[in-house]
Amino acid sequence: MILDDIKAALKTALLGTDTTIKLNYYDSTDNIIILWLYGGASSQVQKIETVQIMVKNTNMSTGQTLIKSIYDLLCPIASKEATKYIVLNSNKYIIEANQPPFYLEKDEQSRHTFVFNITAISKRS
């Protein structure tokens, strides 16, 4: 599942832990990463999944740095000759950012919220 694969990649890159990465929900933890699966499609040969990546952090600069690091991990700049897919947790994906990370809001717990969305295409298994 794409969320598990992204979570594993974030942990491997030391950008998050089991405690700080939440799947499809968030809580009152001060500094968290939330991965939301919110859409997609499927055919005989591929899956298309849409994921929102959100960072909530009490320190604006730290939150901004973290969301940028996640964006760079999932959506690397590739040369024209480079393969367009990336490997997450031994699974191959073509990942396209729907937009770059942006500041969303300061929530009721004074956490700065940054977000971006991706579309991930993978071989259907």
PDB file of N, CA and C in Angstrom:
ATOM      1  N   MET A   1       0.842  -1.182   0.000  1.00  0.00           N
ATOM      2  CA  MET A   1       0.000   0.000   0.000  1.00  0.00           C
ATOM      3  C   MET A   1       0.882   1.239   0.000  1.00  0.00           C
ATOM      4  N   ILE A   2       0.507   2.223  -0.770  1.00  0.00           N
ATOM      5  CA  ILE A   2       1.328   3.418  -0.947  1.00  0.00           C
ATOM      6  C   ILE A   2       1.648   4.108   0.382  1.00  0.00           C
ATOM      7  N   LEU A   3       0.695   4.201   1.299  1.00  0.00           N
ATOM      8  CA  LEU A   3       0.964   4.896   2.560  1.00  0.00           C
ATOM      9  C   LEU A   3       2.040   4.193   3.365  1.00  0.00           C
ATOM     10  N   ASP A   4       1.975   2.866   3.416  1.00  0.00           N
ATOM     11  CA  ASP A   4       3.004   2.100   4.132  1.00  0.00           C
ATOM     12  C   ASP A   4       4.371   2.277   3.474  1.00  0.00           C
ATOM     13  N   ASP A   5       4.382   2.311   2.137  1.00  0.00           N
ATOM     14  CA  ASP A   5       5.644   2.474   1.418  1.00  0.00           C
ATOM     15  C   ASP A   5       6.242   3.859   1.645  1.00  0.00           C
ATOM     16  N   ILE A   6       5.410   4.897   1.648  1.00  0.00           N
ATOM     17  CA  ILE A   6       5.909   6.250   1.930  1.00  0.00           C
ATOM     18  C   ILE A   6       6.404   6.328   3.370  1.00  0.00           C
ATOM     19  N   LYS A   7       5.650   5.763   4.292  1.00  0.00           N
ATOM     20  CA  LYS A   7       6.060   5.773   5.708  1.00  0.00           C
ATOM     21  C   LYS A   7       7.424   5.112   5.870  1.00  0.00           C
ATOM     22  N   ALA A   8       7.617   3.951   5.233  1.00  0.00           N
ATOM     23  CA  ALA A   8       8.896   3.253   5.323  1.00  0.00           C
ATOM     24  C   ALA A   8      10.025   4.106   4.747  1.00  0.00           C
ATOM     25  N   ALA A   9       9.766   4.782   3.630  1.00  0.00           N
ATOM     26  CA  ALA A   9      10.784   5.641   3.008  1.00  0.00           C
ATOM     27  C   ALA A   9      11.136   6.821   3.916  1.00  0.00           C
ATOM     28  N   LEU A  10      10.135   7.411   4.554  1.00  0.00           N
ATOM     29  CA  LEU A  10      10.385   8.528   5.463  1.00  0.00           C
ATOM     30  C   LEU A  10      11.210   8.077   6.666  1.00  0.00           C
ATOM     31  N   LYS A  11      10.898   6.901   7.186  1.00  0.00           N
ATOM     32  CA  LYS A  11      11.659   6.368   8.321  1.00  0.00           C
ATOM     33  C   LYS A  11      13.098   6.067   7.907  1.00  0.00           C
ATOM     34  N   THR A  12      13.279   5.471   6.730  1.00  0.00           N
ATOM     35  CA  THR A  12      14.623   5.157   6.240  1.00  0.00           C
ATOM     36  C   THR A  12      15.451   6.429   6.056  1.00  0.00           C
ATOM     37  N   ALA A  13      14.811   7.488   5.581  1.00  0.00           N
ATOM     38  CA  ALA A  13      15.489   8.774   5.381  1.00  0.00           C
ATOM     39  C   ALA A  13      15.613   9.578   6.682  1.00  0.00           C
ATOM     40  N   LEU A  14      15.161   9.001   7.784  1.00  0.00           N
ATOM     41  CA  LEU A  14      15.201   9.641   9.104  1.00  0.00           C
ATOM     42  C   LEU A  14      14.394  10.937   9.158  1.00  0.00           C
ATOM     43  N   LEU A  15      13.307  10.984   8.394  1.00  0.00           N
ATOM     44  CA  LEU A  15      12.431  12.152   8.407  1.00  0.00           C
ATOM     45  C   LEU A  15      11.246  11.979   9.347  1.00  0.00           C
ATOM     46  N   GLY A  16      11.037  10.760   9.832  1.00  0.00           N
ATOM     47  CA  GLY A  16       9.931  10.503  10.738  1.00  0.00           C
ATOM     48  C   GLY A  16      10.103   9.161  11.420  1.00  0.00           C
ATOM     49  N   THR A  17       9.238   8.897  12.391  1.00  0.00           N
ATOM     50  CA  THR A  17       9.249   7.644  13.149  1.00  0.00           C
ATOM     51  C   THR A  17       7.826   7.097  13.212  1.00  0.00           C
ATOM     52  N   ASP A  18       7.681   5.914  13.777  1.00  0.00           N
ATOM     53  CA  ASP A  18       6.340   5.362  13.959  1.00  0.00           C
ATOM     54  C   ASP A  18       5.467   6.298  14.792  1.00  0.00           C
ATOM     55  N   THR A  19       6.067   7.006  15.708  1.00  0.00           N
ATOM     56  CA  THR A  19       5.327   7.917  16.577  1.00  0.00           C
ATOM     57  C   THR A  19       4.905   9.195  15.859  1.00  0.00           C
ATOM     58  N   THR A  20       5.736   9.687  14.938  1.00  0.00           N
ATOM     59  CA  THR A  20       5.455  10.978  14.310  1.00  0.00           C
ATOM     60  C   THR A  20       4.734  10.878  12.970  1.00  0.00           C
ATOM     61  N   ILE A  21       4.661   9.675  12.383  1.00  0.00           N
ATOM     62  CA  ILE A  21       3.982   9.516  11.090  1.00  0.00           C
ATOM     63  C   ILE A  21       2.629   8.859  11.320  1.00  0.00           C
ATOM     64  N   LYS A  22       1.573   9.535  10.911  1.00  0.00           N
ATOM     65  CA  LYS A  22       0.203   9.039  11.070  1.00  0.00           C
ATOM     66  C   LYS A  22      -0.383   8.737   9.696  1.00  0.00           C
ATOM     67  N   LEU A  23      -1.151   7.661   9.616  1.00  0.00           N
ATOM     68  CA  LEU A  23      -1.799   7.277   8.362  1.00  0.00           C
ATOM     69  C   LEU A  23      -3.298   7.506   8.457  1.00  0.00           C
ATOM     70  N   ASN A  24      -3.819   8.387   7.626  1.00  0.00           N
ATOM     71  CA  ASN A  24      -5.256   8.673   7.518  1.00  0.00           C
ATOM     72  C   ASN A  24      -5.894   9.247   8.776  1.00  0.00           C
ATOM     73  N   TYR A  25      -5.110   9.806   9.668  1.00  0.00           N
ATOM     74  CA  TYR A  25      -5.662  10.529  10.815  1.00  0.00           C
ATOM     75  C   TYR A  25      -4.548  11.361  11.448  1.00  0.00           C
ATOM     76  N   TYR A  26      -4.916  12.309  12.265  1.00  0.00           N
ATOM     77  CA  TYR A  26      -3.919  13.015  13.053  1.00  0.00           C
ATOM     78  C   TYR A  26      -4.463  13.246  14.438  1.00  0.00           C
ATOM     79  N   ASP A  27      -3.545  13.544  15.345  1.00  0.00           N
ATOM     80  CA  ASP A  27      -3.927  13.734  16.740  1.00  0.00           C
ATOM     81  C   ASP A  27      -3.328  15.039  17.249  1.00  0.00           C
ATOM     82  N   SER A  28      -3.264  15.178  18.550  1.00  0.00           N
ATOM     83  CA  SER A  28      -2.812  16.432  19.141  1.00  0.00           C
ATOM     84  C   SER A  28      -1.300  16.493  19.334  1.00  0.00           C
ATOM     85  N   THR A  29      -0.563  15.507  18.820  1.00  0.00           N
ATOM     86  CA  THR A  29       0.886  15.529  18.912  1.00  0.00           C
ATOM     87  C   THR A  29       1.408  16.826  18.297  1.00  0.00           C
ATOM     88  N   ASP A  30       2.377  17.455  18.953  1.00  0.00           N
ATOM     89  CA  ASP A  30       2.875  18.749  18.483  1.00  0.00           C
ATOM     90  C   ASP A  30       3.462  18.699  17.084  1.00  0.00           C
ATOM     91  N   ASN A  31       4.287  17.726  16.802  1.00  0.00           N
ATOM     92  CA  ASN A  31       5.020  17.686  15.541  1.00  0.00           C
ATOM     93  C   ASN A  31       4.785  16.350  14.852  1.00  0.00           C
ATOM     94  N   ILE A  32       3.963  16.362  13.795  1.00  0.00           N
ATOM     95  CA  ILE A  32       3.585  15.118  13.132  1.00  0.00           C
ATOM     96  C   ILE A  32       3.594  15.261  11.613  1.00  0.00           C
ATOM     97  N   ILE A  33       3.663  14.098  10.964  1.00  0.00           N
ATOM     98  CA  ILE A  33       3.517  13.980   9.519  1.00  0.00           C
ATOM     99  C   ILE A  33       2.262  13.140   9.292  1.00  0.00           C
ATOM    100  N   ILE A  34       1.366  13.623   8.458  1.00  0.00           N
ATOM    101  CA  ILE A  34       0.120  12.891   8.186  1.00  0.00           C
ATOM    102  C   ILE A  34       0.096  12.514   6.708  1.00  0.00           C
ATOM    103  N   LEU A  35      -0.187  11.253   6.433  1.00  0.00           N
ATOM    104  CA  LEU A  35      -0.326  10.753   5.067  1.00  0.00           C
ATOM    105  C   LEU A  35      -1.775  10.347   4.864  1.00  0.00           C
ATOM    106  N   TRP A  36      -2.456  11.001   3.925  1.00  0.00           N
ATOM    107  CA  TRP A  36      -3.868  10.733   3.644  1.00  0.00           C
ATOM    108  C   TRP A  36      -4.007  10.126   2.261  1.00  0.00           C
ATOM    109  N   LEU A  37      -4.631   8.969   2.163  1.00  0.00           N
ATOM    110  CA  LEU A  37      -5.010   8.421   0.867  1.00  0.00           C
ATOM    111  C   LEU A  37      -6.417   8.929   0.597  1.00  0.00           C
ATOM    112  N   TYR A  38      -6.586   9.712  -0.478  1.00  0.00           N
ATOM    113  CA  TYR A  38      -7.900  10.314  -0.679  1.00  0.00           C
ATOM    114  C   TYR A  38      -8.481  10.131  -2.063  1.00  0.00           C
ATOM    115  N   GLY A  39      -7.934   9.252  -2.840  1.00  0.00           N
ATOM    116  CA  GLY A  39      -8.532   9.012  -4.142  1.00  0.00           C
ATOM    117  C   GLY A  39      -7.667   8.114  -4.982  1.00  0.00           C
ATOM    118  N   GLY A  40      -8.194   7.767  -6.136  1.00  0.00           N
ATOM    119  CA  GLY A  40      -7.427   6.949  -7.049  1.00  0.00           C
ATOM    120  C   GLY A  40      -8.314   6.235  -8.044  1.00  0.00           C
ATOM    121  N   ALA A  41      -7.663   5.385  -8.809  1.00  0.00           N
ATOM    122  CA  ALA A  41      -8.358   4.593  -9.820  1.00  0.00           C
ATOM    123  C   ALA A  41      -7.538   3.334 -10.055  1.00  0.00           C
ATOM    124  N   SER A  42      -8.154   2.392 -10.741  1.00  0.00           N
ATOM    125  CA  SER A  42      -7.469   1.133 -11.001  1.00  0.00           C
ATOM    126  C   SER A  42      -7.877   0.611 -12.365  1.00  0.00           C
ATOM    127  N   SER A  43      -6.941  -0.064 -13.019  1.00  0.00           N
ATOM    128  CA  SER A  43      -7.231  -0.724 -14.285  1.00  0.00           C
ATOM    129  C   SER A  43      -6.678  -2.142 -14.202  1.00  0.00           C
ATOM    130  N   GLN A  44      -6.669  -2.837 -15.308  1.00  0.00           N
ATOM    131  CA  GLN A  44      -6.140  -4.202 -15.316  1.00  0.00           C
ATOM    132  C   GLN A  44      -4.637  -4.241 -15.036  1.00  0.00           C
ATOM    133  N   VAL A  45      -3.929  -3.157 -15.347  1.00  0.00           N
ATOM    134  CA  VAL A  45      -2.473  -3.184 -15.238  1.00  0.00           C
ATOM    135  C   VAL A  45      -1.871  -2.204 -14.239  1.00  0.00           C
ATOM    136  N   GLN A  46      -2.603  -1.180 -13.827  1.00  0.00           N
ATOM    137  CA  GLN A  46      -2.001  -0.203 -12.925  1.00  0.00           C
ATOM    138  C   GLN A  46      -2.988   0.335 -11.894  1.00  0.00           C
ATOM    139  N   LYS A  47      -2.393   0.873 -10.806  1.00  0.00           N
ATOM    140  CA  LYS A  47      -3.150   1.582  -9.784  1.00  0.00           C
ATOM    141  C   LYS A  47      -2.704   3.032  -9.804  1.00  0.00           C
ATOM    142  N   ILE A  48      -3.654   3.928  -9.659  1.00  0.00           N
ATOM    143  CA  ILE A  48      -3.360   5.347  -9.534  1.00  0.00           C
ATOM    144  C   ILE A  48      -3.927   5.786  -8.189  1.00  0.00           C
ATOM    145  N   GLU A  49      -3.045   6.269  -7.322  1.00  0.00           N
ATOM    146  CA  GLU A  49      -3.470   6.672  -5.982  1.00  0.00           C
ATOM    147  C   GLU A  49      -3.083   8.127  -5.736  1.00  0.00           C
ATOM    148  N   THR A  50      -3.962   8.856  -5.082  1.00  0.00           N
ATOM    149  CA  THR A  50      -3.713  10.248  -4.750  1.00  0.00           C
ATOM    150  C   THR A  50      -3.504  10.349  -3.244  1.00  0.00           C
ATOM    151  N   VAL A  51      -2.415  10.993  -2.856  1.00  0.00           N
ATOM    152  CA  VAL A  51      -2.021  11.072  -1.447  1.00  0.00           C
ATOM    153  C   VAL A  51      -1.746  12.516  -1.080  1.00  0.00           C
ATOM    154  N   GLN A  52      -2.211  12.907   0.096  1.00  0.00           N
ATOM    155  CA  GLN A  52      -1.872  14.212   0.641  1.00  0.00           C
ATOM    156  C   GLN A  52      -0.829  14.010   1.730  1.00  0.00           C
ATOM    157  N   ILE A  53       0.236  14.786   1.665  1.00  0.00           N
ATOM    158  CA  ILE A  53       1.281  14.758   2.685  1.00  0.00           C
ATOM    159  C   ILE A  53       1.189  16.074   3.447  1.00  0.00           C
ATOM    160  N   MET A  54       1.015  15.968   4.756  1.00  0.00           N
ATOM    161  CA  MET A  54       0.837  17.151   5.600  1.00  0.00           C
ATOM    162  C   MET A  54       1.833  17.100   6.760  1.00  0.00           C
ATOM    163  N   VAL A  55       2.429  18.239   7.062  1.00  0.00           N
ATOM    164  CA  VAL A  55       3.317  18.375   8.216  1.00  0.00           C
ATOM    165  C   VAL A  55       2.710  19.408   9.143  1.00  0.00           C
ATOM    166  N   LYS A  56       2.591  19.059  10.421  1.00  0.00           N
ATOM    167  CA  LYS A  56       2.133  19.994  11.448  1.00  0.00           C
ATOM    168  C   LYS A  56       3.265  20.113  12.464  1.00  0.00           C
ATOM    169  N   ASN A  57       3.749  21.327  12.660  1.00  0.00           N
ATOM    170  CA  ASN A  57       4.887  21.537  13.537  1.00  0.00           C
ATOM    171  C   ASN A  57       4.734  22.859  14.270  1.00  0.00           C
ATOM    172  N   THR A  58       5.098  22.882  15.543  1.00  0.00           N
ATOM    173  CA  THR A  58       4.979  24.107  16.336  1.00  0.00           C
ATOM    174  C   THR A  58       6.014  25.151  15.932  1.00  0.00           C
ATOM    175  N   ASN A  59       7.084  24.714  15.256  1.00  0.00           N
ATOM    176  CA  ASN A  59       8.106  25.634  14.776  1.00  0.00           C
ATOM    177  C   ASN A  59       7.959  25.769  13.262  1.00  0.00           C
ATOM    178  N   MET A  60       7.665  26.979  12.792  1.00  0.00           N
ATOM    179  CA  MET A  60       7.395  27.190  11.373  1.00  0.00           C
ATOM    180  C   MET A  60       8.584  26.793  10.497  1.00  0.00           C
ATOM    181  N   SER A  61       9.767  27.183  10.862  1.00  0.00           N
ATOM    182  CA  SER A  61      10.963  26.895  10.071  1.00  0.00           C
ATOM    183  C   SER A  61      11.232  25.390   9.995  1.00  0.00           C
ATOM    184  N   THR A  62      11.083  24.708  11.119  1.00  0.00           N
ATOM    185  CA  THR A  62      11.290  23.259  11.143  1.00  0.00           C
ATOM    186  C   THR A  62      10.255  22.549  10.282  1.00  0.00           C
ATOM    187  N   GLY A  63       8.999  22.970  10.370  1.00  0.00           N
ATOM    188  CA  GLY A  63       7.944  22.385   9.549  1.00  0.00           C
ATOM    189  C   GLY A  63       8.191  22.606   8.066  1.00  0.00           C
ATOM    190  N   GLN A  64       8.629  23.809   7.713  1.00  0.00           N
ATOM    191  CA  GLN A  64       8.902  24.131   6.310  1.00  0.00           C
ATOM    192  C   GLN A  64      10.078  23.298   5.780  1.00  0.00           C
ATOM    193  N   THR A  65      11.117  23.145   6.571  1.00  0.00           N
ATOM    194  CA  THR A  65      12.267  22.332   6.171  1.00  0.00           C
ATOM    195  C   THR A  65      11.869  20.873   5.999  1.00  0.00           C
ATOM    196  N   LEU A  66      11.036  20.367   6.906  1.00  0.00           N
ATOM    197  CA  LEU A  66      10.611  18.973   6.847  1.00  0.00           C
ATOM    198  C   LEU A  66       9.755  18.695   5.613  1.00  0.00           C
ATOM    199  N   ILE A  67       8.776  19.546   5.321  1.00  0.00           N
ATOM    200  CA  ILE A  67       7.918  19.309   4.159  1.00  0.00           C
ATOM    201  C   ILE A  67       8.735  19.385   2.874  1.00  0.00           C
ATOM    202  N   LYS A  68       9.719  20.287   2.819  1.00  0.00           N
ATOM    203  CA  LYS A  68      10.592  20.388   1.644  1.00  0.00           C
ATOM    204  C   LYS A  68      11.441  19.121   1.492  1.00  0.00           C
ATOM    205  N   SER A  69      11.926  18.577   2.589  1.00  0.00           N
ATOM    206  CA  SER A  69      12.721  17.337   2.543  1.00  0.00           C
ATOM    207  C   SER A  69      11.881  16.160   2.072  1.00  0.00           C
ATOM    208  N   ILE A  70      10.647  16.087   2.520  1.00  0.00           N
ATOM    209  CA  ILE A  70       9.741  15.019   2.088  1.00  0.00           C
ATOM    210  C   ILE A  70       9.441  15.167   0.601  1.00  0.00           C
ATOM    211  N   TYR A  71       9.180  16.393   0.179  1.00  0.00           N
ATOM    212  CA  TYR A  71       8.918  16.681  -1.238  1.00  0.00           C
ATOM    213  C   TYR A  71      10.115  16.260  -2.098  1.00  0.00           C
ATOM    214  N   ASP A  72      11.320  16.621  -1.672  1.00  0.00           N
ATOM    215  CA  ASP A  72      12.521  16.265  -2.429  1.00  0.00           C
ATOM    216  C   ASP A  72      12.741  14.756  -2.475  1.00  0.00           C
ATOM    217  N   LEU A  73      12.374  14.051  -1.412  1.00  0.00           N
ATOM    218  CA  LEU A  73      12.501  12.591  -1.382  1.00  0.00           C
ATOM    219  C   LEU A  73      11.523  11.934  -2.350  1.00  0.00           C
ATOM    220  N   LEU A  74      10.272  12.367  -2.323  1.00  0.00           N
ATOM    221  CA  LEU A  74       9.235  11.721  -3.134  1.00  0.00           C
ATOM    222  C   LEU A  74       9.200  12.226  -4.574  1.00  0.00           C
ATOM    223  N   CYS A  75       9.640  13.436  -4.805  1.00  0.00           N
ATOM    224  CA  CYS A  75       9.571  14.054  -6.139  1.00  0.00           C
ATOM    225  C   CYS A  75      10.943  14.613  -6.515  1.00  0.00           C
ATOM    226  N   PRO A  76      11.931  13.731  -6.674  1.00  0.00           N
ATOM    227  CA  PRO A  76      13.283  14.224  -6.964  1.00  0.00           C
ATOM    228  C   PRO A  76      13.353  14.885  -8.341  1.00  0.00           C
ATOM    229  N   ILE A  77      14.278  15.800  -8.460  1.00  0.00           N
ATOM    230  CA  ILE A  77      14.528  16.428  -9.758  1.00  0.00           C
ATOM    231  C   ILE A  77      15.311  15.419 -10.585  1.00  0.00           C
ATOM    232  N   ALA A  78      14.774  15.072 -11.740  1.00  0.00           N
ATOM    233  CA  ALA A  78      15.416  14.067 -12.585  1.00  0.00           C
ATOM    234  C   ALA A  78      15.916  14.706 -13.871  1.00  0.00           C
ATOM    235  N   SER A  79      17.042  14.206 -14.342  1.00  0.00           N
ATOM    236  CA  SER A  79      17.526  14.671 -15.636  1.00  0.00           C
ATOM    237  C   SER A  79      16.660  14.057 -16.729  1.00  0.00           C
ATOM    238  N   LYS A  80      16.784  14.549 -17.933  1.00  0.00           N
ATOM    239  CA  LYS A  80      15.976  14.037 -19.035  1.00  0.00           C
ATOM    240  C   LYS A  80      16.235  12.560 -19.296  1.00  0.00           C
ATOM    241  N   GLU A  81      17.442  12.091 -18.989  1.00  0.00           N
ATOM    242  CA  GLU A  81      17.783  10.694 -19.230  1.00  0.00           C
ATOM    243  C   GLU A  81      17.380   9.787 -18.062  1.00  0.00           C
ATOM    244  N   ALA A  82      17.063  10.365 -16.927  1.00  0.00           N
ATOM    245  CA  ALA A  82      16.780   9.561 -15.733  1.00  0.00           C
ATOM    246  C   ALA A  82      15.438   8.850 -15.843  1.00  0.00           C
ATOM    247  N   THR A  83      15.372   7.698 -15.209  1.00  0.00           N
ATOM    248  CA  THR A  83      14.122   6.966 -15.129  1.00  0.00           C
ATOM    249  C   THR A  83      13.153   7.762 -14.279  1.00  0.00           C
ATOM    250  N   LYS A  84      11.898   7.784 -14.667  1.00  0.00           N
ATOM    251  CA  LYS A  84      10.915   8.604 -13.971  1.00  0.00           C
ATOM    252  C   LYS A  84      10.325   7.929 -12.737  1.00  0.00           C
ATOM    253  N   TYR A  85      10.649   6.654 -12.502  1.00  0.00           N
ATOM    254  CA  TYR A  85      10.061   5.998 -11.332  1.00  0.00           C
ATOM    255  C   TYR A  85      11.019   6.048 -10.148  1.00  0.00           C
ATOM    256  N   ILE A  86      10.441   5.914  -8.952  1.00  0.00           N
ATOM    257  CA  ILE A  86      11.249   5.782  -7.741  1.00  0.00           C
ATOM    258  C   ILE A  86      10.822   4.501  -7.042  1.00  0.00           C
ATOM    259  N   VAL A  87      11.707   3.982  -6.203  1.00  0.00           N
ATOM    260  CA  VAL A  87      11.439   2.762  -5.460  1.00  0.00           C
ATOM    261  C   VAL A  87      11.206   3.133  -4.001  1.00  0.00           C
ATOM    262  N   LEU A  88      10.050   2.714  -3.495  1.00  0.00           N
ATOM    263  CA  LEU A  88       9.704   2.908  -2.088  1.00  0.00           C
ATOM    264  C   LEU A  88       9.388   1.546  -1.497  1.00  0.00           C
ATOM    265  N   ASN A  89      10.151   1.129  -0.507  1.00  0.00           N
ATOM    266  CA  ASN A  89       9.861  -0.131   0.176  1.00  0.00           C
ATOM    267  C   ASN A  89       9.784  -1.298  -0.822  1.00  0.00           C
ATOM    268  N   SER A  90      10.715  -1.327  -1.771  1.00  0.00           N
ATOM    269  CA  SER A  90      10.839  -2.370  -2.803  1.00  0.00           C
ATOM    270  C   SER A  90       9.754  -2.325  -3.879  1.00  0.00           C
ATOM    271  N   ASN A  91       8.899  -1.335  -3.884  1.00  0.00           N
ATOM    272  CA  ASN A  91       7.861  -1.189  -4.906  1.00  0.00           C
ATOM    273  C   ASN A  91       8.179   0.016  -5.779  1.00  0.00           C
ATOM    274  N   LYS A  92       7.946  -0.126  -7.097  1.00  0.00           N
ATOM    275  CA  LYS A  92       8.220   0.954  -8.045  1.00  0.00           C
ATOM    276  C   LYS A  92       6.978   1.823  -8.235  1.00  0.00           C
ATOM    277  N   TYR A  93       7.216   3.129  -8.215  1.00  0.00           N
ATOM    278  CA  TYR A  93       6.140   4.108  -8.418  1.00  0.00           C
ATOM    279  C   TYR A  93       6.611   5.204  -9.369  1.00  0.00           C
ATOM    280  N   ILE A  94       5.692   5.707 -10.145  1.00  0.00           N
ATOM    281  CA  ILE A  94       5.884   6.982 -10.820  1.00  0.00           C
ATOM    282  C   ILE A  94       5.097   7.975  -9.973  1.00  0.00           C
ATOM    283  N   ILE A  95       5.797   8.949  -9.431  1.00  0.00           N
ATOM    284  CA  ILE A  95       5.156   9.921  -8.538  1.00  0.00           C
ATOM    285  C   ILE A  95       5.266  11.308  -9.141  1.00  0.00           C
ATOM    286  N   GLU A  96       4.136  11.951  -9.253  1.00  0.00           N
ATOM    287  CA  GLU A  96       4.072  13.327  -9.746  1.00  0.00           C
ATOM    288  C   GLU A  96       3.443  14.198  -8.661  1.00  0.00           C
ATOM    289  N   ALA A  97       4.091  15.308  -8.372  1.00  0.00           N
ATOM    290  CA  ALA A  97       3.512  16.257  -7.422  1.00  0.00           C
ATOM    291  C   ALA A  97       2.382  17.010  -8.105  1.00  0.00           C
ATOM    292  N   ASN A  98       1.259  17.142  -7.434  1.00  0.00           N
ATOM    293  CA  ASN A  98       0.144  17.921  -7.972  1.00  0.00           C
ATOM    294  C   ASN A  98       0.397  19.415  -7.819  1.00  0.00           C
ATOM    295  N   GLN A  99       1.232  19.783  -6.832  1.00  0.00           N
ATOM    296  CA  GLN A  99       1.686  21.146  -6.630  1.00  0.00           C
ATOM    297  C   GLN A  99       2.842  21.101  -5.644  1.00  0.00           C
ATOM    298  N   PRO A 100       3.648  22.138  -5.584  1.00  0.00           N
ATOM    299  CA  PRO A 100       4.729  22.150  -4.586  1.00  0.00           C
ATOM    300  C   PRO A 100       4.156  22.357  -3.183  1.00  0.00           C
ATOM    301  N   PRO A 101       4.964  22.100  -2.150  1.00  0.00           N
ATOM    302  CA  PRO A 101       4.483  22.316  -0.775  1.00  0.00           C
ATOM    303  C   PRO A 101       4.086  23.766  -0.550  1.00  0.00           C
ATOM    304  N   PHE A 102       3.050  23.942   0.269  1.00  0.00           N
ATOM    305  CA  PHE A 102       2.622  25.299   0.593  1.00  0.00           C
ATOM    306  C   PHE A 102       2.141  25.360   2.042  1.00  0.00           C
ATOM    307  N   TYR A 103       2.155  26.582   2.582  1.00  0.00           N
ATOM    308  CA  TYR A 103       1.670  26.822   3.945  1.00  0.00           C
ATOM    309  C   TYR A 103       0.151  26.859   3.908  1.00  0.00           C
ATOM    310  N   LEU A 104      -0.490  26.058   4.752  1.00  0.00           N
ATOM    311  CA  LEU A 104      -1.948  25.988   4.775  1.00  0.00           C
ATOM    312  C   LEU A 104      -2.553  26.858   5.869  1.00  0.00           C
ATOM    313  N   GLU A 105      -2.060  26.670   7.100  1.00  0.00           N
ATOM    314  CA  GLU A 105      -2.662  27.397   8.220  1.00  0.00           C
ATOM    315  C   GLU A 105      -1.861  27.194   9.497  1.00  0.00           C
ATOM    316  N   LYS A 106      -2.198  27.979  10.490  1.00  0.00           N
ATOM    317  CA  LYS A 106      -1.756  27.730  11.854  1.00  0.00           C
ATOM    318  C   LYS A 106      -2.992  27.217  12.574  1.00  0.00           C
ATOM    319  N   ASP A 107      -2.944  25.973  13.037  1.00  0.00           N
ATOM    320  CA  ASP A 107      -4.152  25.366  13.589  1.00  0.00           C
ATOM    321  C   ASP A 107      -4.428  25.812  15.024  1.00  0.00           C
ATOM    322  N   GLU A 108      -5.503  25.276  15.584  1.00  0.00           N
ATOM    323  CA  GLU A 108      -5.947  25.679  16.923  1.00  0.00           C
ATOM    324  C   GLU A 108      -4.963  25.305  18.016  1.00  0.00           C
ATOM    325  N   GLN A 109      -3.995  24.441  17.707  1.00  0.00           N
ATOM    326  CA  GLN A 109      -2.965  24.060  18.668  1.00  0.00           C
ATOM    327  C   GLN A 109      -1.652  24.784  18.389  1.00  0.00           C
ATOM    328  N   SER A 110      -1.713  25.834  17.597  1.00  0.00           N
ATOM    329  CA  SER A 110      -0.550  26.648  17.237  1.00  0.00           C
ATOM    330  C   SER A 110       0.515  25.868  16.474  1.00  0.00           C
ATOM    331  N   ARG A 111       0.052  24.880  15.702  1.00  0.00           N
ATOM    332  CA  ARG A 111       0.973  24.138  14.846  1.00  0.00           C
ATOM    333  C   ARG A 111       0.877  24.716  13.433  1.00  0.00           C
ATOM    334  N   HIS A 112       2.017  24.970  12.837  1.00  0.00           N
ATOM    335  CA  HIS A 112       2.062  25.438  11.456  1.00  0.00           C
ATOM    336  C   HIS A 112       1.859  24.231  10.549  1.00  0.00           C
ATOM    337  N   THR A 113       0.970  24.382   9.564  1.00  0.00           N
ATOM    338  CA  THR A 113       0.596  23.271   8.705  1.00  0.00           C
ATOM    339  C   THR A 113       1.056  23.533   7.279  1.00  0.00           C
ATOM    340  N   PHE A 114       1.842  22.585   6.764  1.00  0.00           N
ATOM    341  CA  PHE A 114       2.320  22.617   5.383  1.00  0.00           C
ATOM    342  C   PHE A 114       1.796  21.376   4.676  1.00  0.00           C
ATOM    343  N   VAL A 115       1.542  21.488   3.370  1.00  0.00           N
ATOM    344  CA  VAL A 115       0.920  20.373   2.669  1.00  0.00           C
ATOM    345  C   VAL A 115       1.316  20.359   1.195  1.00  0.00           C
ATOM    346  N   PHE A 116       1.307  19.158   0.603  1.00  0.00           N
ATOM    347  CA  PHE A 116       1.329  18.997  -0.847  1.00  0.00           C
ATOM    348  C   PHE A 116       0.679  17.665  -1.173  1.00  0.00           C
ATOM    349  N   ASN A 117       0.259  17.517  -2.422  1.00  0.00           N
ATOM    350  CA  ASN A 117      -0.437  16.305  -2.871  1.00  0.00           C
ATOM    351  C   ASN A 117       0.344  15.666  -4.000  1.00  0.00           C
ATOM    352  N   ILE A 118       0.293  14.341  -4.049  1.00  0.00           N
ATOM    353  CA  ILE A 118       0.955  13.601  -5.111  1.00  0.00           C
ATOM    354  C   ILE A 118      -0.006  12.612  -5.756  1.00  0.00           C
ATOM    355  N   THR A 119       0.299  12.245  -6.977  1.00  0.00           N
ATOM    356  CA  THR A 119      -0.368  11.130  -7.640  1.00  0.00           C
ATOM    357  C   THR A 119       0.697  10.071  -7.869  1.00  0.00           C
ATOM    358  N   ALA A 120       0.423   8.844  -7.401  1.00  0.00           N
ATOM    359  CA  ALA A 120       1.371   7.739  -7.522  1.00  0.00           C
ATOM    360  C   ALA A 120       0.783   6.651  -8.415  1.00  0.00           C
ATOM    361  N   ILE A 121       1.545   6.238  -9.403  1.00  0.00           N
ATOM    362  CA  ILE A 121       1.116   5.186 -10.326  1.00  0.00           C
ATOM    363  C   ILE A 121       2.015   3.988 -10.100  1.00  0.00           C
ATOM    364  N   SER A 122       1.405   2.823  -9.943  1.00  0.00           N
ATOM    365  CA  SER A 122       2.180   1.606  -9.741  1.00  0.00           C
ATOM    366  C   SER A 122       1.537   0.454 -10.495  1.00  0.00           C
ATOM    367  N   LYS A 123       2.301  -0.599 -10.661  1.00  0.00           N
ATOM    368  CA  LYS A 123       1.783  -1.812 -11.301  1.00  0.00           C
ATOM    369  C   LYS A 123       0.789  -2.466 -10.357  1.00  0.00           C
ATOM    370  N   ARG A 124      -0.324  -2.867 -10.896  1.00  0.00           N
ATOM    371  CA  ARG A 124      -1.330  -3.524 -10.077  1.00  0.00           C
ATOM    372  C   ARG A 124      -0.882  -4.957  -9.786  1.00  0.00           C
ATOM    373  N   SER A 125      -0.965  -5.336  -8.524  1.00  0.00           N
ATOM    374  CA  SER A 125      -0.539  -6.701  -8.161  1.00  0.00           C
ATOM    375  C   SER A 125      -1.718  -7.551  -7.763  1.00  0.00           C
TER     376      SER A 125
END
